[in-house]
Protein backbone atom coordinates (compact mmCIF):
# COMPACT_ATOMS: atom_id res chain seq x y z
CA UNK A 1 83.23 84.54 133.37
CA UNK A 2 80.22 85.02 130.47
CA UNK A 3 77.07 83.32 130.60
CA UNK A 4 76.81 81.06 126.62
CA UNK A 5 74.11 83.15 126.03
CA UNK A 6 75.94 86.65 125.79
CA UNK A 7 74.85 88.75 123.36
CA UNK A 8 76.91 91.61 121.28
CA UNK A 9 74.51 94.38 119.92
CA UNK A 10 76.30 96.65 117.46
CA UNK A 11 74.97 100.08 116.83
CA UNK A 12 75.27 102.25 113.46
CA UNK A 13 77.00 105.67 114.42
CA UNK A 14 75.64 108.88 113.17
CA UNK A 15 78.50 109.63 111.13
CA UNK A 16 79.61 112.57 108.74
CA UNK A 17 81.96 113.13 106.42
CA UNK A 18 84.06 115.05 109.66
CA UNK A 19 83.39 112.99 112.61
CA UNK A 20 84.22 108.91 111.52
CA UNK A 21 87.87 109.27 112.44
CA UNK A 22 86.97 111.02 115.99
CA UNK A 23 85.01 108.17 117.14
CA UNK A 24 87.08 105.42 116.06
CA UNK A 25 90.04 107.08 118.19
CA UNK A 26 87.04 106.81 121.44
CA UNK A 27 87.25 103.25 122.86
CA UNK A 28 84.51 100.95 122.48
CA UNK A 29 82.67 102.00 126.45
CA UNK A 30 83.09 105.70 126.17
CA UNK A 31 81.51 106.24 122.69
CA UNK A 32 77.57 106.54 122.17
CA UNK A 33 75.49 103.77 122.67
CA UNK A 34 77.44 102.07 124.71
CA UNK A 35 75.58 100.19 127.41
CA UNK A 36 76.25 96.58 129.41
CA UNK A 37 73.20 95.43 131.09
CA UNK A 38 72.38 91.37 132.19
CA UNK A 39 73.99 89.16 129.35
CA UNK A 40 73.66 92.14 126.50
CA UNK A 41 76.28 94.54 125.44
CA UNK A 42 75.57 97.31 123.25
CA UNK A 43 77.97 99.25 121.45
CA UNK A 44 78.49 102.01 118.74
CA UNK A 45 81.00 100.74 115.08
CA UNK A 46 81.81 103.32 112.77
CA UNK A 47 81.16 101.92 109.25
CA UNK A 48 81.81 104.37 106.29
CA UNK A 49 82.34 104.28 102.74
CA UNK A 50 83.94 106.69 100.27
CA UNK A 51 84.12 106.43 96.56
CA UNK A 52 86.21 108.65 94.45
CA UNK A 53 88.51 110.96 94.85
CA UNK A 54 87.82 114.89 96.28
CA UNK A 55 89.92 117.94 94.24
CA UNK A 56 92.69 117.93 95.82
CA UNK A 57 94.56 114.36 94.92
CA UNK A 58 98.11 114.81 97.04
CA UNK A 59 95.84 115.55 100.48
CA UNK A 60 93.39 112.91 99.76
CA UNK A 61 96.68 110.52 99.20
CA UNK A 62 98.67 112.39 102.28
CA UNK A 63 95.45 112.08 104.47
CA UNK A 64 95.16 107.96 103.92
CA UNK A 65 98.45 107.68 104.63
CA UNK A 66 98.07 109.22 108.21
CA UNK A 67 94.65 107.79 109.03
CA UNK A 68 97.10 104.06 108.63
CA UNK A 69 100.55 105.50 109.92
CA UNK A 70 99.37 107.46 112.56
CA UNK A 71 95.75 107.08 113.32
CA UNK A 72 96.35 103.41 113.71
CA UNK A 73 94.01 101.80 111.33
CA UNK A 74 94.78 98.49 109.83
CA UNK A 75 95.21 98.55 106.08
CA UNK A 76 93.41 95.96 103.58
CA UNK A 77 93.97 95.83 100.33
CA UNK A 78 94.62 93.41 97.06
CA UNK A 79 98.25 94.34 97.63
CA UNK A 80 98.25 93.52 101.26
CA UNK A 81 96.31 90.46 101.65
CA UNK A 82 97.53 87.44 100.24
CA UNK A 83 96.32 83.59 101.76
CA UNK A 84 99.42 82.50 103.54
CA UNK A 85 97.30 78.72 104.41
CA UNK A 86 100.33 75.82 104.22
CA UNK A 87 98.96 73.51 101.38
CA UNK A 88 98.81 70.90 103.40
CA UNK A 89 96.54 72.95 106.14
CA UNK A 90 94.80 74.24 102.68
CA UNK A 91 94.54 70.68 101.58
CA UNK A 92 93.02 69.60 104.89
CA UNK A 93 90.42 71.87 104.64
CA UNK A 94 89.26 71.22 100.93
CA UNK A 95 88.87 67.79 102.03
CA UNK A 96 86.54 68.22 105.09
CA UNK A 97 84.64 70.49 103.01
CA UNK A 98 83.76 68.00 100.04
CA UNK A 99 83.33 65.42 102.58
CA UNK A 100 80.82 67.47 104.92
CA UNK A 101 78.64 69.28 101.39
CA UNK A 102 78.01 65.49 100.41
CA UNK A 103 75.83 65.65 103.53
CA UNK A 104 74.12 68.90 102.32
CA UNK A 105 74.64 70.36 105.91
CA UNK A 106 73.08 73.54 107.07
CA UNK A 107 75.20 76.50 107.74
CA UNK A 108 75.48 76.19 111.54
CA UNK A 109 76.13 72.60 110.96
CA UNK A 110 79.05 73.51 108.62
CA UNK A 111 80.52 76.00 111.20
CA UNK A 112 80.25 73.41 113.89
CA UNK A 113 82.34 71.16 111.68
CA UNK A 114 84.75 73.94 111.19
CA UNK A 115 84.39 74.27 114.88
CA UNK A 116 85.03 70.70 116.13
CA UNK A 117 88.51 70.61 113.34
CA UNK A 118 90.14 73.82 115.01
CA UNK A 119 89.85 75.49 112.00
CA UNK A 120 88.09 78.63 112.99
CA UNK A 121 90.37 81.63 114.51
CA UNK A 122 90.70 81.37 118.73
CA UNK A 123 90.80 85.07 120.03
CA UNK A 124 91.84 85.93 123.92
CA UNK A 125 88.26 87.56 124.69
CA UNK A 126 85.46 84.61 125.48
CA UNK A 127 82.88 86.25 124.02
CA UNK A 128 84.51 87.20 120.96
CA UNK A 129 84.97 83.34 120.11
CA UNK A 130 81.49 83.15 120.10
CA UNK A 131 81.22 86.73 117.79
CA UNK A 132 83.38 85.12 115.63
CA UNK A 133 81.08 81.99 114.82
CA UNK A 134 77.90 84.39 114.48
CA UNK A 135 79.90 86.59 112.37
CA UNK A 136 80.93 83.50 110.12
CA UNK A 137 77.58 82.21 109.70
CA UNK A 138 76.08 85.30 109.00
CA UNK A 139 78.79 85.65 105.90
CA UNK A 140 78.04 82.30 105.14
CA UNK A 141 74.21 82.33 104.90
CA UNK A 142 74.54 85.49 102.74
CA UNK A 143 77.06 84.31 100.30
CA UNK A 144 75.04 80.52 99.78
CA UNK A 145 72.06 83.26 98.94
CA UNK A 146 73.91 84.84 96.53
CA UNK A 147 76.12 81.92 94.92
CA UNK A 148 75.03 79.94 92.11
CA UNK A 149 74.78 76.35 93.99
CA UNK A 150 74.72 77.61 97.47
CA UNK A 151 77.19 75.59 99.76
CA UNK A 152 78.05 73.12 96.98
CA UNK A 153 78.22 75.82 94.75
CA UNK A 154 82.41 77.12 92.95
CA UNK A 155 81.45 80.79 94.47
CA UNK A 156 81.14 79.93 97.62
CA UNK A 157 83.67 77.72 98.15
CA UNK A 158 86.69 80.05 96.86
CA UNK A 159 84.92 82.89 99.10
CA UNK A 160 84.82 81.17 101.86
CA UNK A 161 88.31 79.60 101.69
CA UNK A 162 89.38 83.55 101.01
CA UNK A 163 87.76 84.63 103.73
CA UNK A 164 89.38 81.80 106.11
CA UNK A 165 92.81 82.00 105.04
CA UNK A 166 92.95 85.67 105.78
CA UNK A 167 91.62 85.48 109.19
CA UNK A 168 93.65 82.56 109.99
CA UNK A 169 97.57 84.31 108.38
CA UNK A 170 96.91 87.87 108.51
CA UNK A 171 93.96 89.39 110.62
CA UNK A 172 95.00 86.83 113.15
CA UNK A 173 97.37 89.23 115.08
CA UNK A 174 94.64 91.76 115.09
CA UNK A 175 91.71 90.19 116.04
CA UNK A 176 92.81 87.98 118.91
CA UNK A 177 93.18 90.73 121.65
CA UNK A 178 90.17 92.20 120.19
CA UNK A 179 87.45 93.72 123.17
CA UNK A 180 84.03 95.13 122.78
CA UNK A 181 84.63 96.82 126.09
CA UNK A 182 87.21 98.68 125.62
CA UNK A 183 88.84 98.32 121.72
CA UNK A 184 87.95 96.69 118.95
CA UNK A 185 90.33 96.74 115.69
CA UNK A 186 89.21 99.17 112.94
CA UNK A 187 89.92 98.75 109.29
CA UNK A 188 90.27 100.40 106.59
CA UNK A 189 89.84 99.18 103.10
CA UNK A 190 91.85 100.81 99.81
CA UNK A 191 91.56 100.66 96.29
CA UNK A 192 89.46 97.87 94.50
CA UNK A 193 87.87 94.93 95.45
CA UNK A 194 86.51 91.35 94.24
CA UNK A 195 82.93 89.83 95.59
CA UNK A 196 85.64 87.63 98.30
CA UNK A 197 87.23 90.88 99.56
CA UNK A 198 83.13 92.31 99.99
CA UNK A 199 82.86 89.45 101.88
CA UNK A 200 85.47 89.54 104.53
CA UNK A 201 84.42 92.89 105.35
CA UNK A 202 80.65 91.92 105.84
CA UNK A 203 82.84 89.67 108.11
CA UNK A 204 84.54 91.94 110.23
CA UNK A 205 81.88 94.40 110.35
CA UNK A 206 79.51 91.51 111.67
CA UNK A 207 82.20 90.56 114.49
CA UNK A 208 81.73 94.60 115.73
CA UNK A 209 85.04 95.71 113.99
CA UNK A 210 84.95 99.13 112.76
CA UNK A 211 86.07 99.46 108.36
CA UNK A 212 86.02 102.56 106.47
CA UNK A 213 86.41 101.62 102.67
CA UNK A 214 88.40 104.01 100.27
CA UNK A 215 87.37 103.27 96.64
CA UNK A 216 89.35 105.97 94.33
CA UNK A 217 88.55 104.16 91.27
CA UNK A 218 83.89 104.42 92.81
CA UNK A 219 82.09 101.65 93.85
CA UNK A 220 81.22 100.46 97.01
CA UNK A 221 83.82 97.79 99.15
CA UNK A 222 80.74 97.97 101.79
CA UNK A 223 78.00 96.82 99.52
CA UNK A 224 77.09 93.19 100.47
CA UNK A 225 77.79 94.55 103.89
CA UNK A 226 74.47 97.33 103.28
CA UNK A 227 72.74 94.46 101.48
CA UNK A 228 72.60 92.49 104.61
CA UNK A 229 71.77 95.30 106.91
CA UNK A 230 74.45 97.10 108.17
CA UNK A 231 73.74 100.75 108.18
CA UNK A 232 76.76 102.85 106.67
CA UNK A 233 77.85 106.19 105.63
CA UNK A 234 78.36 106.75 102.22
CA UNK A 235 80.03 109.68 100.48
CA UNK A 236 80.77 109.69 96.59
CA UNK A 237 83.03 112.32 95.65
CA UNK A 238 82.75 113.18 91.41
CA UNK A 239 86.45 112.55 90.59
CA UNK A 240 86.87 108.73 89.49
CA UNK A 241 90.86 107.36 89.38
CA UNK A 242 92.39 104.16 89.24
CA UNK A 243 93.84 103.69 92.41
CA UNK A 244 97.69 104.92 93.47
CA UNK A 245 99.52 102.90 95.03
CA UNK A 246 99.37 103.01 99.20
CA UNK A 247 102.29 104.71 100.76
CA UNK A 248 104.18 102.08 102.69
CA UNK A 249 105.31 104.93 104.65
CA UNK A 250 103.82 108.13 105.74
CA UNK A 251 104.23 110.75 103.44
CA UNK A 252 105.26 113.76 105.04
CA UNK A 253 105.13 116.72 102.40
CA UNK A 254 104.72 119.74 104.83
CA UNK A 255 104.02 122.91 103.15
CA UNK A 256 105.71 126.25 104.61
CA UNK A 257 103.61 129.16 104.98
CA UNK A 258 105.61 132.32 104.58
CA UNK A 259 108.40 130.79 105.81
CA UNK A 260 110.23 132.35 109.33
CA UNK A 261 112.70 134.78 109.11
CA UNK A 262 116.29 133.75 110.00
CA UNK A 263 116.65 136.62 112.75
CA UNK A 264 113.15 135.18 114.28
CA UNK A 265 114.21 131.69 113.99
CA UNK A 266 117.72 132.81 116.43
CA UNK A 267 115.42 134.89 118.56
CA UNK A 268 113.26 131.34 119.35
CA UNK A 269 116.44 129.39 119.89
CA UNK A 270 117.82 132.21 122.13
CA UNK A 271 114.66 132.00 124.35
CA UNK A 272 113.73 128.79 124.37
CA UNK A 273 117.18 127.16 124.57
CA UNK A 274 118.05 123.63 124.27
CA UNK A 275 117.40 123.94 120.11
CA UNK A 276 121.43 123.82 119.65
CA UNK A 277 123.37 120.46 118.93
CA UNK A 278 126.97 119.40 119.35
CA UNK A 279 128.76 118.76 115.97
CA UNK A 280 127.91 114.83 115.25
CA UNK A 281 125.84 114.93 118.28
CA UNK A 282 122.78 113.08 116.02
CA UNK A 283 125.52 110.96 114.12
CA UNK A 284 124.17 107.74 115.35
CA UNK A 285 120.71 108.69 114.87
CA UNK A 286 118.56 107.19 111.73
CA UNK A 287 117.45 109.94 109.40
CA UNK A 288 114.02 110.40 107.67
CA UNK A 289 112.87 113.23 105.41
CA UNK A 290 110.41 115.67 105.28
CA UNK A 291 109.98 117.52 102.09
CA UNK A 292 109.08 121.13 102.50
CA UNK A 293 106.79 122.12 100.17
CA UNK A 294 107.64 125.90 99.72
CA UNK A 295 107.06 128.86 97.00
CA UNK A 296 109.93 130.37 94.72
CA UNK A 297 110.87 132.63 97.31
CA UNK A 298 110.55 130.42 100.23
CA UNK A 299 112.91 128.15 98.63
CA UNK A 300 115.96 129.68 99.18
CA UNK A 301 115.63 131.11 102.41
CA UNK A 302 115.23 127.54 103.94
CA UNK A 303 118.56 126.15 101.63
CA UNK A 304 120.03 128.51 103.70
CA UNK A 305 119.02 126.80 107.08
CA UNK A 306 120.70 124.46 108.93
CA UNK A 307 118.36 121.59 109.42
CA UNK A 308 117.62 122.11 112.90
CA UNK A 309 116.61 125.63 112.44
CA UNK A 310 114.45 124.52 109.33
CA UNK A 311 110.08 123.89 109.87
CA UNK A 312 109.46 120.04 111.41
CA UNK A 313 112.51 119.10 112.36
CA UNK A 314 112.42 117.08 115.04
CA UNK A 315 114.71 114.25 116.62
CA UNK A 316 112.46 111.05 118.47
CA UNK A 317 113.54 107.18 119.25
CA UNK A 318 116.47 107.41 117.83
CA UNK A 319 115.14 109.14 114.52
CA UNK A 320 115.85 112.45 113.27
CA UNK A 321 113.50 114.19 110.79
CA UNK A 322 115.58 116.04 108.24
CA UNK A 323 113.23 118.71 106.51
CA UNK A 324 114.65 118.90 102.81
CA UNK A 325 113.84 120.07 99.04
CA UNK A 326 112.84 118.44 96.18
CA UNK A 327 111.74 121.11 94.08
CA UNK A 328 112.57 121.87 90.14
CA UNK A 329 112.68 124.95 88.63
CA UNK A 330 110.98 125.41 84.98
CA UNK A 331 112.30 128.44 83.03
CA UNK A 332 114.09 131.99 83.84
CA UNK A 333 112.59 135.06 85.90
CA UNK A 334 112.24 137.94 83.78
CA UNK A 335 115.02 139.28 85.98
CA UNK A 336 118.05 137.76 84.87
CA UNK A 337 120.67 139.16 87.45
CA UNK A 338 118.37 137.92 90.34
CA UNK A 339 117.92 134.21 88.81
CA UNK A 340 121.70 134.03 88.07
CA UNK A 341 122.38 135.35 92.02
CA UNK A 342 120.13 132.71 93.40
CA UNK A 343 121.42 129.67 91.53
CA UNK A 344 125.09 130.78 92.57
CA UNK A 345 123.69 130.96 96.08
CA UNK A 346 122.75 127.58 95.84
CA UNK A 347 125.80 126.09 94.35
CA UNK A 348 128.22 127.89 96.45
CA UNK A 349 127.14 126.84 99.81
CA UNK A 350 128.90 124.34 101.74
CA UNK A 351 128.67 120.61 101.07
CA UNK A 352 126.72 121.15 97.36
CA UNK A 353 127.29 119.09 94.06
CA UNK A 354 126.59 121.04 91.33
CA UNK A 355 125.69 118.34 87.83
CA UNK A 356 127.03 119.82 84.62
CA UNK A 357 127.09 116.40 82.87
CA UNK A 358 124.71 114.18 82.86
CA UNK A 359 123.56 111.59 83.27
CA UNK A 360 125.49 112.09 86.76
CA UNK A 361 124.74 108.29 87.67
CA UNK A 362 126.54 105.66 86.33
CA UNK A 363 123.66 102.99 86.64
CA UNK A 364 123.59 99.60 86.86
CA UNK A 365 123.28 96.70 84.31
CA UNK A 366 122.94 94.02 86.44
CA UNK A 367 119.76 92.27 88.13
CA UNK A 368 119.71 91.62 92.12
CA UNK A 369 116.74 90.26 92.18
CA UNK A 370 117.82 87.63 94.09
CA UNK A 371 119.64 89.48 96.63
CA UNK A 372 116.61 91.81 97.25
CA UNK A 373 114.37 88.99 98.23
CA UNK A 374 117.22 87.23 100.45
CA UNK A 375 117.12 90.47 101.97
CA UNK A 376 113.65 90.64 103.15
CA UNK A 377 112.08 90.97 106.65
CA UNK A 378 108.84 88.77 107.81
CA UNK A 379 107.18 91.51 107.26
CA UNK A 380 108.29 91.67 103.32
CA UNK A 381 110.40 94.75 103.49
CA UNK A 382 114.17 95.14 103.69
CA UNK A 383 115.96 94.44 106.20
CA UNK A 384 118.82 96.92 106.82
CA UNK A 385 121.14 94.57 109.08
CA UNK A 386 120.79 91.76 105.81
CA UNK A 387 121.61 94.33 103.58
CA UNK A 388 124.16 95.85 105.04
CA UNK A 389 126.03 92.97 106.08
CA UNK A 390 126.00 90.94 102.72
CA UNK A 391 128.51 90.32 100.08
CA UNK A 392 127.00 92.34 97.51
CA UNK A 393 126.74 95.69 99.85
CA UNK A 394 129.44 97.77 98.23
CA UNK A 395 129.36 100.47 101.10
CA UNK A 396 131.41 98.62 103.52
CA UNK A 397 134.26 101.34 103.81
CA UNK A 398 131.56 103.93 105.01
CA UNK A 399 131.04 104.46 108.68
CA UNK A 400 128.62 102.49 110.18
CA UNK A 401 126.20 105.13 110.83
CA UNK A 402 126.22 106.41 107.31
CA UNK A 403 125.66 102.39 106.28
CA UNK A 404 122.47 102.13 108.32
CA UNK A 405 121.23 105.69 106.77
CA UNK A 406 121.74 104.42 103.21
CA UNK A 407 119.94 100.45 104.27
CA UNK A 408 117.68 102.51 105.95
CA UNK A 409 116.53 104.95 102.94
CA UNK A 410 116.61 102.00 100.37
CA UNK A 411 114.40 100.18 102.18
CA UNK A 412 112.09 102.92 102.09
CA UNK A 413 111.98 103.63 98.51
CA UNK A 414 111.45 100.07 97.97
CA UNK A 415 108.96 99.68 100.05
CA UNK A 416 107.04 103.02 98.97
CA UNK A 417 108.14 102.76 95.20
CA UNK A 418 107.73 106.64 93.73
CA UNK A 419 109.51 105.37 90.44
CA UNK A 420 107.12 105.21 88.01
CA UNK A 421 106.53 101.91 86.10
CA UNK A 422 108.23 101.01 82.55
CA UNK A 423 107.71 98.56 80.01
CA UNK A 424 104.81 96.82 81.79
CA UNK A 425 106.87 96.21 84.87
CA UNK A 426 104.99 95.14 88.41
CA UNK A 427 105.30 96.84 91.32
CA UNK A 428 107.97 94.37 92.54
CA UNK A 429 109.83 95.17 89.40
CA UNK A 430 110.60 98.65 90.08
CA UNK A 431 111.72 97.73 93.95
CA UNK A 432 114.13 95.42 92.64
CA UNK A 433 115.47 98.19 89.89
CA UNK A 434 115.32 100.48 93.08
CA UNK A 435 117.22 97.92 95.30
CA UNK A 436 119.66 97.58 92.25
CA UNK A 437 120.60 101.22 91.50
CA UNK A 438 120.56 102.05 95.48
CA UNK A 439 123.61 99.81 95.20
CA UNK A 440 125.42 102.36 92.56
CA UNK A 441 125.98 105.86 94.42
CA UNK A 442 128.88 107.62 93.05
CA UNK A 443 131.88 108.00 95.27
CA UNK A 444 131.85 112.09 94.78
CA UNK A 445 127.65 111.34 96.52
CA UNK A 446 129.08 109.32 99.47
CA UNK A 447 131.59 112.03 100.22
CA UNK A 448 129.38 114.70 100.13
CA UNK A 449 126.69 112.04 102.56
CA UNK A 450 129.45 111.74 104.90
CA UNK A 451 129.99 114.84 106.20
CA UNK A 452 126.08 115.28 106.65
CA UNK A 453 125.72 116.26 110.17
CA UNK A 454 121.82 115.78 110.82
CA UNK A 455 121.67 119.12 112.61
CA UNK A 456 123.61 121.22 110.03
CA UNK A 457 124.29 122.49 106.93
CA UNK A 458 121.81 119.81 104.81
CA UNK A 459 123.75 118.94 101.71
CA UNK A 460 122.77 119.76 98.24
CA UNK A 461 122.44 118.24 94.59
CA UNK A 462 121.27 120.91 92.08
CA UNK A 463 121.10 119.70 88.60
CA UNK A 464 121.19 122.20 85.75
CA UNK A 465 119.67 120.25 82.85
CA UNK A 466 119.49 122.75 79.58
CA UNK A 467 119.28 119.77 77.32
CA UNK A 468 123.00 120.70 76.12
CA UNK A 469 124.86 118.70 78.92
CA UNK A 470 122.66 115.61 77.99
CA UNK A 471 119.57 114.33 79.65
CA UNK A 472 118.50 112.84 82.98
CA UNK A 473 117.94 108.82 82.93
CA UNK A 474 115.86 106.45 85.18
CA UNK A 475 119.18 105.72 87.10
CA UNK A 476 119.82 109.23 87.83
CA UNK A 477 116.00 109.33 88.79
CA UNK A 478 116.23 106.30 91.39
CA UNK A 479 119.41 107.86 92.99
CA UNK A 480 117.41 111.17 93.45
CA UNK A 481 114.82 109.42 95.32
CA UNK A 482 117.39 108.07 97.35
CA UNK A 483 119.40 111.22 98.37
CA UNK A 484 115.66 112.56 99.43
CA UNK A 485 115.24 110.09 101.95
CA UNK A 486 118.63 110.32 103.30
CA UNK A 487 117.52 114.10 103.74
CA UNK A 488 119.81 116.15 100.86
CA UNK A 489 118.52 119.06 99.44
CA UNK A 490 117.32 118.50 95.37
CA UNK A 491 116.90 121.18 93.03
CA UNK A 492 116.38 120.38 89.20
CA UNK A 493 117.32 123.46 87.03
CA UNK A 494 115.44 123.33 83.32
CA UNK A 495 115.54 127.14 81.48
CA UNK A 496 113.30 125.52 78.59
CA UNK A 497 110.61 124.01 81.11
CA UNK A 498 110.98 120.74 79.25
CA UNK A 499 109.82 117.27 80.60
CA UNK A 500 113.01 115.84 82.69
CA UNK A 501 112.41 114.11 85.65
CA UNK A 502 108.75 114.13 85.21
CA UNK A 503 109.23 110.82 82.97
CA UNK A 504 110.37 108.76 86.18
CA UNK A 505 108.98 110.13 88.98
CA UNK A 506 106.05 110.75 90.37
CA UNK A 507 105.18 114.33 90.43
CA UNK A 508 103.62 113.98 93.78
CA UNK A 509 107.00 113.34 95.78
CA UNK A 510 108.80 116.95 94.30
CA UNK A 511 107.47 120.96 93.83
CA UNK A 512 107.86 122.58 90.28
CA UNK A 513 108.17 125.95 89.86
CA UNK A 514 107.19 128.17 86.99
CA UNK A 515 108.99 131.06 85.92
CA UNK A 516 108.40 133.87 83.58
CA UNK A 517 110.35 133.04 80.66
CA UNK A 518 111.16 130.02 78.36
CA UNK A 519 114.58 130.12 77.21
CA UNK A 520 115.99 127.31 74.93
CA UNK A 521 120.01 126.38 75.01
CA UNK A 522 120.56 128.37 78.07
CA UNK A 523 123.93 128.27 78.82
CA UNK A 524 124.86 128.31 82.44
CA UNK A 525 126.50 131.00 83.79
CA UNK A 526 128.84 130.00 86.61
CA UNK A 527 129.84 132.46 89.20
CA UNK A 528 133.24 134.37 88.73
CA UNK A 529 136.52 133.36 91.25
CA UNK A 530 135.97 136.91 92.97
CA UNK A 531 132.16 136.19 93.39
CA UNK A 532 132.81 132.70 94.87
CA UNK A 533 135.27 134.07 97.45
CA UNK A 534 133.06 136.76 98.41
CA UNK A 535 130.24 134.58 98.62
CA UNK A 536 132.04 131.45 100.68
CA UNK A 537 133.11 133.92 102.76
CA UNK A 538 130.10 135.81 103.65
CA UNK A 539 128.65 131.70 104.19
CA UNK A 540 131.38 130.83 106.61
CA UNK A 541 131.31 134.33 108.94
CA UNK A 542 127.16 133.36 108.72
CA UNK A 543 127.71 129.80 110.16
CA UNK A 544 130.41 131.24 112.77
CA UNK A 545 127.62 133.87 113.93
């Protein structure tokens, strides 16, 4: 039992740009400044604000993704926060506020009324229930000081309803088990913010949580908390940009550094053992992709390797991480013979599909918006089981393992849409578009995917776009994003170096290589019949060794 006058004292930790994450990972009772004595519990708290973007934008967003998806920080943003209070309950709260305002109460009396009417969040730890009330009192005091009209002003009421609604319907699961003697939740704010968002972050700091803010466009989401006396570490980067959509899943772009030669990999396999897989051993695993960033020369070395010997191949919890390529080759190299030789080695590999005529996806004109929203789970993401069991699902004739893989890949491209919005589309419109196009995989591509044994040869789609054979369309781009999430290698050749997939797909998801010469109207030189026989025989020999 804890006495009613038990106190929590929060101390700002001495942070740097490099050290704040290491403090987050440490339990409260192992951090500096932790002390429990009598009825006072003291602990260290992380509060940091990062405004703007450092020079490396790709690394910046990749790191943010890792903070949430790998290190467990809870994401808060304009997109993730929405008030889900039921209409009846909201009306009850508003009625209670109106009746209380007429009596011109103090902040303490106002919070007492909220507690009596069971409007406050109830937590597991007894100390934290008291802390919730104290934090709310401090936030409301600050709000009443800043907003015209105090407790009866429109600004005060709006902030209060926003913070209360977010706390009861979104933050409850994260705050419920908060324990200042062990672990407190850590929240990451991302993107632009409103006044209500600033008061929410102030409230969370008052509760005792760790709060870190990243605002690419600049500004300080912790500004109100700083005004109220919270010492926050602040770092300003010179570059300011409108925030990109936060990745719903971890960005997994891995750079290869001097890709290992085939013989070295074979030696590792021989020495360690246990890294060879039987045919179709991983059929019931769900694939996820790690997009490899390679040099131009490394691309062809990686392309000839089986998935299981590529860098970052991994199996875990019935999921298999497939290292795959997504690259565009602009221009033509001085050494034309070498250029064509490399292209031919790609297209002659087993389970490779060469696109010579564009577009290569038929696309869909219908709108699957209703089906999209009916296929959601409680978290607001697509449910693979709902999709594969629906009447609109066009892949019932495929093996069950492939249906699961396709449904999961559609979920991922919709959760984190790398397709660019067009014609004033909102994010939800882009997601519906990707969902709709995901139901239109051509039969020849389905056959290619059905032959994909996840540890073995990686399927490939090679597009040769010389602008004489058509143009890449938006449905093509949507299909490429889906194939990327299914682990296929994707290589687009454009001898003239013109924009094609860049018009539709975020440039961060693929790698561009620029060769020495720009050549217009370059016809595709396909390998001779003799060359096909020789090279395909060579690949079969290498695979059997």
